Each structure stands twice: as structure tokens, then as C-alpha cells.
Amino acid sequence: MFVPPGQRLDAASQGAEHDLHLPRLAVPLLARLMPGGDGLAFGCGPGPTFSLMLQETGLQAPFYDRCYADDGVVLSRS
């Protein structure tokens, strides 16, 4: 991290801020998607957090991030 220690958020504040990011993306996106549709959570990092949120609404969303892809496995169903 390149933020000076005095300007970093504590763990609880970091978690609270992180929890705001996905809904900020998901709510407007879900308003535009057809129920039961398919998508791709591209650039998701090492885990399927966003694709799981989409699946909870009935959408299919495999996840992929080329930085975390394992030996040729590029798409994963969460």
C-alpha cells in the first residue's frame, strides 16, 4: 500500500467501504439486465464475489480475471 499509515482506514472502515462498492455497481447494472440472463464477471480478482451477487438475482455469471487464471482455466462458474 502506498498510502501513508496515518491516512489508512482501520479494518472495520475498510470493510464498510468495500461493502459499498459492489452494490454501487450491482444496483444500476441489475436495472438494465434481463432476468435469467447470462454475463461475465470480468476482472473479478481472485474470487467470485460479484458473480455470486448476480447469481443471487437469477443471472448466470461465470467469473474471469486473467491475472488470477490458473494454468489455462480461464472461466469458472461460481
PDB file of N, CA and C in Angstrom:
ATOM      1  N   MET A   1       0.847  -1.177   0.000  1.00  0.00           N
ATOM      2  CA  MET A   1       0.000   0.000   0.000  1.00  0.00           C
ATOM      3  C   MET A   1       0.889   1.236   0.000  1.00  0.00           C
ATOM      4  N   PHE A   2       0.506   2.205  -0.814  1.00  0.00           N
ATOM      5  CA  PHE A   2       1.293   3.415  -0.938  1.00  0.00           C
ATOM      6  C   PHE A   2       0.682   4.585  -0.175  1.00  0.00           C
ATOM      7  N   VAL A   3      -0.341   4.315   0.594  1.00  0.00           N
ATOM      8  CA  VAL A   3      -0.971   5.362   1.394  1.00  0.00           C
ATOM      9  C   VAL A   3      -0.206   5.451   2.717  1.00  0.00           C
ATOM     10  N   PRO A   4       0.148   6.645   3.152  1.00  0.00           N
ATOM     11  CA  PRO A   4       0.838   6.772   4.442  1.00  0.00           C
ATOM     12  C   PRO A   4       0.002   6.154   5.557  1.00  0.00           C
ATOM     13  N   PRO A   5       0.637   5.488   6.517  1.00  0.00           N
ATOM     14  CA  PRO A   5      -0.105   4.801   7.579  1.00  0.00           C
ATOM     15  C   PRO A   5      -1.135   5.674   8.284  1.00  0.00           C
ATOM     16  N   GLY A   6      -0.852   6.935   8.486  1.00  0.00           N
ATOM     17  CA  GLY A   6      -1.796   7.820   9.174  1.00  0.00           C
ATOM     18  C   GLY A   6      -3.048   8.110   8.374  1.00  0.00           C
ATOM     19  N   GLN A   7      -3.032   7.806   7.059  1.00  0.00           N
ATOM     20  CA  GLN A   7      -4.194   8.060   6.209  1.00  0.00           C
ATOM     21  C   GLN A   7      -4.958   6.790   5.854  1.00  0.00           C
ATOM     22  N   ARG A   8      -4.501   5.661   6.351  1.00  0.00           N
ATOM     23  CA  ARG A   8      -5.175   4.388   6.058  1.00  0.00           C
ATOM     24  C   ARG A   8      -6.391   4.204   6.952  1.00  0.00           C
ATOM     25  N   LEU A   9      -7.390   3.544   6.411  1.00  0.00           N
ATOM     26  CA  LEU A   9      -8.575   3.209   7.194  1.00  0.00           C
ATOM     27  C   LEU A   9      -8.284   1.992   8.067  1.00  0.00           C
ATOM     28  N   ASP A  10      -8.936   1.924   9.219  1.00  0.00           N
ATOM     29  CA  ASP A  10      -8.811   0.714  10.030  1.00  0.00           C
ATOM     30  C   ASP A  10      -9.590  -0.414   9.348  1.00  0.00           C
ATOM     31  N   ALA A  11      -9.420  -1.633   9.832  1.00  0.00           N
ATOM     32  CA  ALA A  11     -10.017  -2.807   9.175  1.00  0.00           C
ATOM     33  C   ALA A  11     -11.541  -2.701   9.076  1.00  0.00           C
ATOM     34  N   ALA A  12     -12.198  -2.243  10.134  1.00  0.00           N
ATOM     35  CA  ALA A  12     -13.661  -2.139  10.107  1.00  0.00           C
ATOM     36  C   ALA A  12     -14.115  -1.114   9.063  1.00  0.00           C
ATOM     37  N   SER A  13     -13.416   0.006   8.978  1.00  0.00           N
ATOM     38  CA  SER A  13     -13.769   1.032   7.998  1.00  0.00           C
ATOM     39  C   SER A  13     -13.490   0.561   6.571  1.00  0.00           C
ATOM     40  N   GLN A  14     -12.414  -0.197   6.395  1.00  0.00           N
ATOM     41  CA  GLN A  14     -12.113  -0.751   5.072  1.00  0.00           C
ATOM     42  C   GLN A  14     -13.232  -1.683   4.624  1.00  0.00           C
ATOM     43  N   GLY A  15     -13.674  -2.551   5.535  1.00  0.00           N
ATOM     44  CA  GLY A  15     -14.751  -3.480   5.201  1.00  0.00           C
ATOM     45  C   GLY A  15     -16.043  -2.766   4.863  1.00  0.00           C
ATOM     46  N   ALA A  16     -16.361  -1.722   5.634  1.00  0.00           N
ATOM     47  CA  ALA A  16     -17.589  -0.961   5.390  1.00  0.00           C
ATOM     48  C   ALA A  16     -17.530  -0.273   4.026  1.00  0.00           C
ATOM     49  N   GLU A  17     -16.371   0.281   3.677  1.00  0.00           N
ATOM     50  CA  GLU A  17     -16.214   0.938   2.372  1.00  0.00           C
ATOM     51  C   GLU A  17     -16.309  -0.079   1.242  1.00  0.00           C
ATOM     52  N   HIS A  18     -15.676  -1.225   1.427  1.00  0.00           N
ATOM     53  CA  HIS A  18     -15.718  -2.277   0.408  1.00  0.00           C
ATOM     54  C   HIS A  18     -17.151  -2.738   0.170  1.00  0.00           C
ATOM     55  N   ASP A  19     -17.919  -2.867   1.231  1.00  0.00           N
ATOM     56  CA  ASP A  19     -19.301  -3.318   1.111  1.00  0.00           C
ATOM     57  C   ASP A  19     -20.156  -2.354   0.282  1.00  0.00           C
ATOM     58  N   LEU A  20     -19.725  -1.105   0.167  1.00  0.00           N
ATOM     59  CA  LEU A  20     -20.477  -0.130  -0.627  1.00  0.00           C
ATOM     60  C   LEU A  20     -20.203  -0.257  -2.122  1.00  0.00           C
ATOM     61  N   HIS A  21     -19.019  -0.724  -2.495  1.00  0.00           N
ATOM     62  CA  HIS A  21     -18.641  -0.739  -3.907  1.00  0.00           C
ATOM     63  C   HIS A  21     -19.481  -1.680  -4.758  1.00  0.00           C
ATOM     64  N   LEU A  22     -19.682  -2.893  -4.299  1.00  0.00           N
ATOM     65  CA  LEU A  22     -20.429  -3.845  -5.121  1.00  0.00           C
ATOM     66  C   LEU A  22     -21.874  -3.421  -5.334  1.00  0.00           C
ATOM     67  N   PRO A  23     -22.592  -2.997  -4.301  1.00  0.00           N
ATOM     68  CA  PRO A  23     -23.958  -2.524  -4.561  1.00  0.00           C
ATOM     69  C   PRO A  23     -24.003  -1.309  -5.490  1.00  0.00           C
ATOM     70  N   ARG A  24     -22.997  -0.440  -5.413  1.00  0.00           N
ATOM     71  CA  ARG A  24     -22.962   0.725  -6.305  1.00  0.00           C
ATOM     72  C   ARG A  24     -22.909   0.291  -7.762  1.00  0.00           C
ATOM     73  N   LEU A  25     -22.293  -0.827  -8.016  1.00  0.00           N
ATOM     74  CA  LEU A  25     -22.225  -1.357  -9.372  1.00  0.00           C
ATOM     75  C   LEU A  25     -23.439  -2.228  -9.683  1.00  0.00           C
ATOM     76  N   ALA A  26     -23.802  -3.087  -8.738  1.00  0.00           N
ATOM     77  CA  ALA A  26     -24.850  -4.071  -8.993  1.00  0.00           C
ATOM     78  C   ALA A  26     -26.225  -3.447  -9.201  1.00  0.00           C
ATOM     79  N   VAL A  27     -26.604  -2.478  -8.399  1.00  0.00           N
ATOM     80  CA  VAL A  27     -27.961  -1.925  -8.483  1.00  0.00           C
ATOM     81  C   VAL A  27     -28.245  -1.326  -9.863  1.00  0.00           C
ATOM     82  N   PRO A  28     -27.397  -0.416 -10.391  1.00  0.00           N
ATOM     83  CA  PRO A  28     -27.706   0.098 -11.736  1.00  0.00           C
ATOM     84  C   PRO A  28     -27.569  -0.958 -12.824  1.00  0.00           C
ATOM     85  N   LEU A  29     -26.652  -1.893 -12.652  1.00  0.00           N
ATOM     86  CA  LEU A  29     -26.485  -2.941 -13.647  1.00  0.00           C
ATOM     87  C   LEU A  29     -27.710  -3.845 -13.697  1.00  0.00           C
ATOM     88  N   LEU A  30     -28.205  -4.252 -12.549  1.00  0.00           N
ATOM     89  CA  LEU A  30     -29.364  -5.148 -12.497  1.00  0.00           C
ATOM     90  C   LEU A  30     -30.613  -4.491 -13.089  1.00  0.00           C
ATOM     91  N   ALA A  31     -30.683  -3.175 -13.009  1.00  0.00           N
ATOM     92  CA  ALA A  31     -31.826  -2.465 -13.581  1.00  0.00           C
ATOM     93  C   ALA A  31     -31.837  -2.572 -15.110  1.00  0.00           C
ATOM     94  N   ARG A  32     -30.684  -2.899 -15.710  1.00  0.00           N
ATOM     95  CA  ARG A  32     -30.574  -2.969 -17.168  1.00  0.00           C
ATOM     96  C   ARG A  32     -30.548  -4.397 -17.714  1.00  0.00           C
ATOM     97  N   LEU A  33     -30.409  -5.376 -16.847  1.00  0.00           N
ATOM     98  CA  LEU A  33     -30.270  -6.759 -17.306  1.00  0.00           C
ATOM     99  C   LEU A  33     -31.606  -7.482 -17.292  1.00  0.00           C
ATOM    100  N   MET A  34     -31.751  -8.426 -18.222  1.00  0.00           N
ATOM    101  CA  MET A  34     -32.968  -9.225 -18.291  1.00  0.00           C
ATOM    102  C   MET A  34     -32.891 -10.348 -17.262  1.00  0.00           C
ATOM    103  N   PRO A  35     -33.957 -10.626 -16.548  1.00  0.00           N
ATOM    104  CA  PRO A  35     -33.965 -11.735 -15.593  1.00  0.00           C
ATOM    105  C   PRO A  35     -33.583 -13.041 -16.284  1.00  0.00           C
ATOM    106  N   GLY A  36     -32.758 -13.836 -15.625  1.00  0.00           N
ATOM    107  CA  GLY A  36     -32.333 -15.110 -16.169  1.00  0.00           C
ATOM    108  C   GLY A  36     -31.251 -15.007 -17.218  1.00  0.00           C
ATOM    109  N   GLY A  37     -30.698 -13.816 -17.424  1.00  0.00           N
ATOM    110  CA  GLY A  37     -29.676 -13.614 -18.448  1.00  0.00           C
ATOM    111  C   GLY A  37     -28.323 -14.183 -18.057  1.00  0.00           C
ATOM    112  N   ASP A  38     -27.396 -14.103 -18.978  1.00  0.00           N
ATOM    113  CA  ASP A  38     -26.028 -14.550 -18.771  1.00  0.00           C
ATOM    114  C   ASP A  38     -25.097 -13.354 -18.856  1.00  0.00           C
ATOM    115  N   GLY A  39     -23.992 -13.442 -18.122  1.00  0.00           N
ATOM    116  CA  GLY A  39     -22.998 -12.383 -18.170  1.00  0.00           C
ATOM    117  C   GLY A  39     -21.639 -12.955 -17.831  1.00  0.00           C
ATOM    118  N   LEU A  40     -20.688 -12.092 -17.664  1.00  0.00           N
ATOM    119  CA  LEU A  40     -19.334 -12.475 -17.294  1.00  0.00           C
ATOM    120  C   LEU A  40     -18.804 -11.449 -16.319  1.00  0.00           C
ATOM    121  N   ALA A  41     -18.371 -11.907 -15.163  1.00  0.00           N
ATOM    122  CA  ALA A  41     -17.732 -11.028 -14.183  1.00  0.00           C
ATOM    123  C   ALA A  41     -16.248 -10.972 -14.539  1.00  0.00           C
ATOM    124  N   PHE A  42     -15.904 -10.064 -15.446  1.00  0.00           N
ATOM    125  CA  PHE A  42     -14.544  -9.962 -15.967  1.00  0.00           C
ATOM    126  C   PHE A  42     -13.729  -9.026 -15.086  1.00  0.00           C
ATOM    127  N   GLY A  43     -12.514  -9.453 -14.746  1.00  0.00           N
ATOM    128  CA  GLY A  43     -11.663  -8.639 -13.894  1.00  0.00           C
ATOM    129  C   GLY A  43     -12.092  -8.692 -12.440  1.00  0.00           C
ATOM    130  N   CYS A  44     -12.539  -9.863 -12.020  1.00  0.00           N
ATOM    131  CA  CYS A  44     -13.132 -10.025 -10.693  1.00  0.00           C
ATOM    132  C   CYS A  44     -12.116 -10.207  -9.574  1.00  0.00           C
ATOM    133  N   GLY A  45     -10.841 -10.328  -9.917  1.00  0.00           N
ATOM    134  CA  GLY A  45      -9.854 -10.619  -8.881  1.00  0.00           C
ATOM    135  C   GLY A  45      -9.825 -12.112  -8.617  1.00  0.00           C
ATOM    136  N   PRO A  46      -9.352 -12.505  -7.447  1.00  0.00           N
ATOM    137  CA  PRO A  46      -9.166 -13.931  -7.180  1.00  0.00           C
ATOM    138  C   PRO A  46     -10.434 -14.700  -6.841  1.00  0.00           C
ATOM    139  N   GLY A  47     -11.543 -14.006  -6.623  1.00  0.00           N
ATOM    140  CA  GLY A  47     -12.732 -14.733  -6.193  1.00  0.00           C
ATOM    141  C   GLY A  47     -14.000 -14.279  -6.869  1.00  0.00           C
ATOM    142  N   PRO A  48     -15.073 -15.018  -6.655  1.00  0.00           N
ATOM    143  CA  PRO A  48     -16.314 -14.804  -7.400  1.00  0.00           C
ATOM    144  C   PRO A  48     -17.331 -13.901  -6.710  1.00  0.00           C
ATOM    145  N   THR A  49     -16.925 -12.927  -5.933  1.00  0.00           N
ATOM    146  CA  THR A  49     -17.877 -12.145  -5.147  1.00  0.00           C
ATOM    147  C   THR A  49     -18.981 -11.535  -5.997  1.00  0.00           C
ATOM    148  N   PHE A  50     -18.614 -10.801  -7.048  1.00  0.00           N
ATOM    149  CA  PHE A  50     -19.634 -10.120  -7.850  1.00  0.00           C
ATOM    150  C   PHE A  50     -20.501 -11.115  -8.610  1.00  0.00           C
ATOM    151  N   SER A  51     -19.890 -12.170  -9.127  1.00  0.00           N
ATOM    152  CA  SER A  51     -20.696 -13.146  -9.861  1.00  0.00           C
ATOM    153  C   SER A  51     -21.687 -13.843  -8.927  1.00  0.00           C
ATOM    154  N   LEU A  52     -21.319 -14.041  -7.678  1.00  0.00           N
ATOM    155  CA  LEU A  52     -22.259 -14.622  -6.711  1.00  0.00           C
ATOM    156  C   LEU A  52     -23.426 -13.676  -6.447  1.00  0.00           C
ATOM    157  N   MET A  53     -23.138 -12.387  -6.365  1.00  0.00           N
ATOM    158  CA  MET A  53     -24.223 -11.413  -6.178  1.00  0.00           C
ATOM    159  C   MET A  53     -25.191 -11.468  -7.356  1.00  0.00           C
ATOM    160  N   LEU A  54     -24.652 -11.577  -8.552  1.00  0.00           N
ATOM    161  CA  LEU A  54     -25.513 -11.658  -9.732  1.00  0.00           C
ATOM    162  C   LEU A  54     -26.312 -12.952  -9.735  1.00  0.00           C
ATOM    163  N   GLN A  55     -25.685 -14.053  -9.346  1.00  0.00           N
ATOM    164  CA  GLN A  55     -26.394 -15.331  -9.326  1.00  0.00           C
ATOM    165  C   GLN A  55     -27.531 -15.320  -8.315  1.00  0.00           C
ATOM    166  N   GLU A  56     -27.371 -14.589  -7.224  1.00  0.00           N
ATOM    167  CA  GLU A  56     -28.448 -14.494  -6.232  1.00  0.00           C
ATOM    168  C   GLU A  56     -29.703 -13.855  -6.823  1.00  0.00           C
ATOM    169  N   THR A  57     -29.545 -13.105  -7.904  1.00  0.00           N
ATOM    170  CA  THR A  57     -30.695 -12.483  -8.553  1.00  0.00           C
ATOM    171  C   THR A  57     -31.220 -13.322  -9.714  1.00  0.00           C
ATOM    172  N   GLY A  58     -30.609 -14.488  -9.959  1.00  0.00           N
ATOM    173  CA  GLY A  58     -31.065 -15.369 -11.019  1.00  0.00           C
ATOM    174  C   GLY A  58     -30.259 -15.292 -12.306  1.00  0.00           C
ATOM    175  N   LEU A  59     -29.225 -14.480 -12.339  1.00  0.00           N
ATOM    176  CA  LEU A  59     -28.381 -14.367 -13.528  1.00  0.00           C
ATOM    177  C   LEU A  59     -27.243 -15.375 -13.467  1.00  0.00           C
ATOM    178  N   GLN A  60     -26.813 -15.867 -14.606  1.00  0.00           N
ATOM    179  CA  GLN A  60     -25.639 -16.729 -14.676  1.00  0.00           C
ATOM    180  C   GLN A  60     -24.435 -15.839 -14.971  1.00  0.00           C
ATOM    181  N   ALA A  61     -23.399 -15.942 -14.159  1.00  0.00           N
ATOM    182  CA  ALA A  61     -22.248 -15.061 -14.339  1.00  0.00           C
ATOM    183  C   ALA A  61     -20.955 -15.777 -13.968  1.00  0.00           C
ATOM    184  N   PRO A  62     -20.369 -16.507 -14.910  1.00  0.00           N
ATOM    185  CA  PRO A  62     -19.051 -17.052 -14.626  1.00  0.00           C
ATOM    186  C   PRO A  62     -18.075 -15.895 -14.401  1.00  0.00           C
ATOM    187  N   PHE A  63     -16.974 -16.171 -13.731  1.00  0.00           N
ATOM    188  CA  PHE A  63     -16.023 -15.105 -13.450  1.00  0.00           C
ATOM    189  C   PHE A  63     -14.668 -15.409 -14.072  1.00  0.00           C
ATOM    190  N   TYR A  64     -13.970 -14.336 -14.416  1.00  0.00           N
ATOM    191  CA  TYR A  64     -12.656 -14.471 -15.041  1.00  0.00           C
ATOM    192  C   TYR A  64     -11.811 -13.243 -14.747  1.00  0.00           C
ATOM    193  N   ASP A  65     -10.579 -13.500 -14.419  1.00  0.00           N
ATOM    194  CA  ASP A  65      -9.587 -12.433 -14.286  1.00  0.00           C
ATOM    195  C   ASP A  65      -8.267 -12.999 -14.775  1.00  0.00           C
ATOM    196  N   ARG A  66      -7.743 -12.459 -15.857  1.00  0.00           N
ATOM    197  CA  ARG A  66      -6.544 -13.055 -16.456  1.00  0.00           C
ATOM    198  C   ARG A  66      -5.356 -13.036 -15.509  1.00  0.00           C
ATOM    199  N   CYS A  67      -5.337 -12.133 -14.558  1.00  0.00           N
ATOM    200  CA  CYS A  67      -4.237 -12.093 -13.587  1.00  0.00           C
ATOM    201  C   CYS A  67      -4.301 -13.257 -12.608  1.00  0.00           C
ATOM    202  N   TYR A  68      -5.480 -13.839 -12.438  1.00  0.00           N
ATOM    203  CA  TYR A  68      -5.650 -14.926 -11.480  1.00  0.00           C
ATOM    204  C   TYR A  68      -6.005 -16.253 -12.135  1.00  0.00           C
ATOM    205  N   ALA A  69      -6.036 -16.313 -13.456  1.00  0.00           N
ATOM    206  CA  ALA A  69      -6.394 -17.548 -14.151  1.00  0.00           C
ATOM    207  C   ALA A  69      -5.334 -18.615 -13.871  1.00  0.00           C
ATOM    208  N   ASP A  70      -5.783 -19.828 -13.596  1.00  0.00           N
ATOM    209  CA  ASP A  70      -4.889 -20.936 -13.268  1.00  0.00           C
ATOM    210  C   ASP A  70      -4.642 -21.815 -14.485  1.00  0.00           C
ATOM    211  N   ASP A  71      -3.421 -21.878 -14.958  1.00  0.00           N
ATOM    212  CA  ASP A  71      -2.991 -22.848 -15.972  1.00  0.00           C
ATOM    213  C   ASP A  71      -4.033 -23.122 -17.048  1.00  0.00           C
ATOM    214  N   GLY A  72      -4.483 -22.089 -17.710  1.00  0.00           N
ATOM    215  CA  GLY A  72      -5.399 -22.290 -18.825  1.00  0.00           C
ATOM    216  C   GLY A  72      -6.864 -22.331 -18.443  1.00  0.00           C
ATOM    217  N   VAL A  73      -7.181 -22.416 -17.154  1.00  0.00           N
ATOM    218  CA  VAL A  73      -8.582 -22.366 -16.734  1.00  0.00           C
ATOM    219  C   VAL A  73      -8.962 -20.905 -16.637  1.00  0.00           C
ATOM    220  N   VAL A  74      -9.721 -20.453 -17.611  1.00  0.00           N
ATOM    221  CA  VAL A  74      -9.996 -19.034 -17.670  1.00  0.00           C
ATOM    222  C   VAL A  74     -11.408 -18.644 -17.219  1.00  0.00           C
ATOM    223  N   LEU A  75     -12.331 -19.555 -17.271  1.00  0.00           N
ATOM    224  CA  LEU A  75     -13.687 -19.283 -16.816  1.00  0.00           C
ATOM    225  C   LEU A  75     -14.051 -20.234 -15.714  1.00  0.00           C
ATOM    226  N   SER A  76     -14.694 -19.729 -14.703  1.00  0.00           N
ATOM    227  CA  SER A  76     -15.141 -20.561 -13.591  1.00  0.00           C
ATOM    228  C   SER A  76     -16.580 -20.229 -13.292  1.00  0.00           C
ATOM    229  N   ARG A  77     -17.356 -21.222 -13.055  1.00  0.00           N
ATOM    230  CA  ARG A  77     -18.735 -20.998 -12.586  1.00  0.00           C
ATOM    231  C   ARG A  77     -18.678 -20.963 -11.078  1.00  0.00           C
ATOM    232  N   SER A  78     -19.258 -19.934 -10.513  1.00  0.00           N
ATOM    233  CA  SER A  78     -19.269 -19.843  -9.052  1.00  0.00           C
ATOM    234  C   SER A  78     -20.409 -20.651  -8.493  1.00  0.00           C
TER     235      SER A  78
END
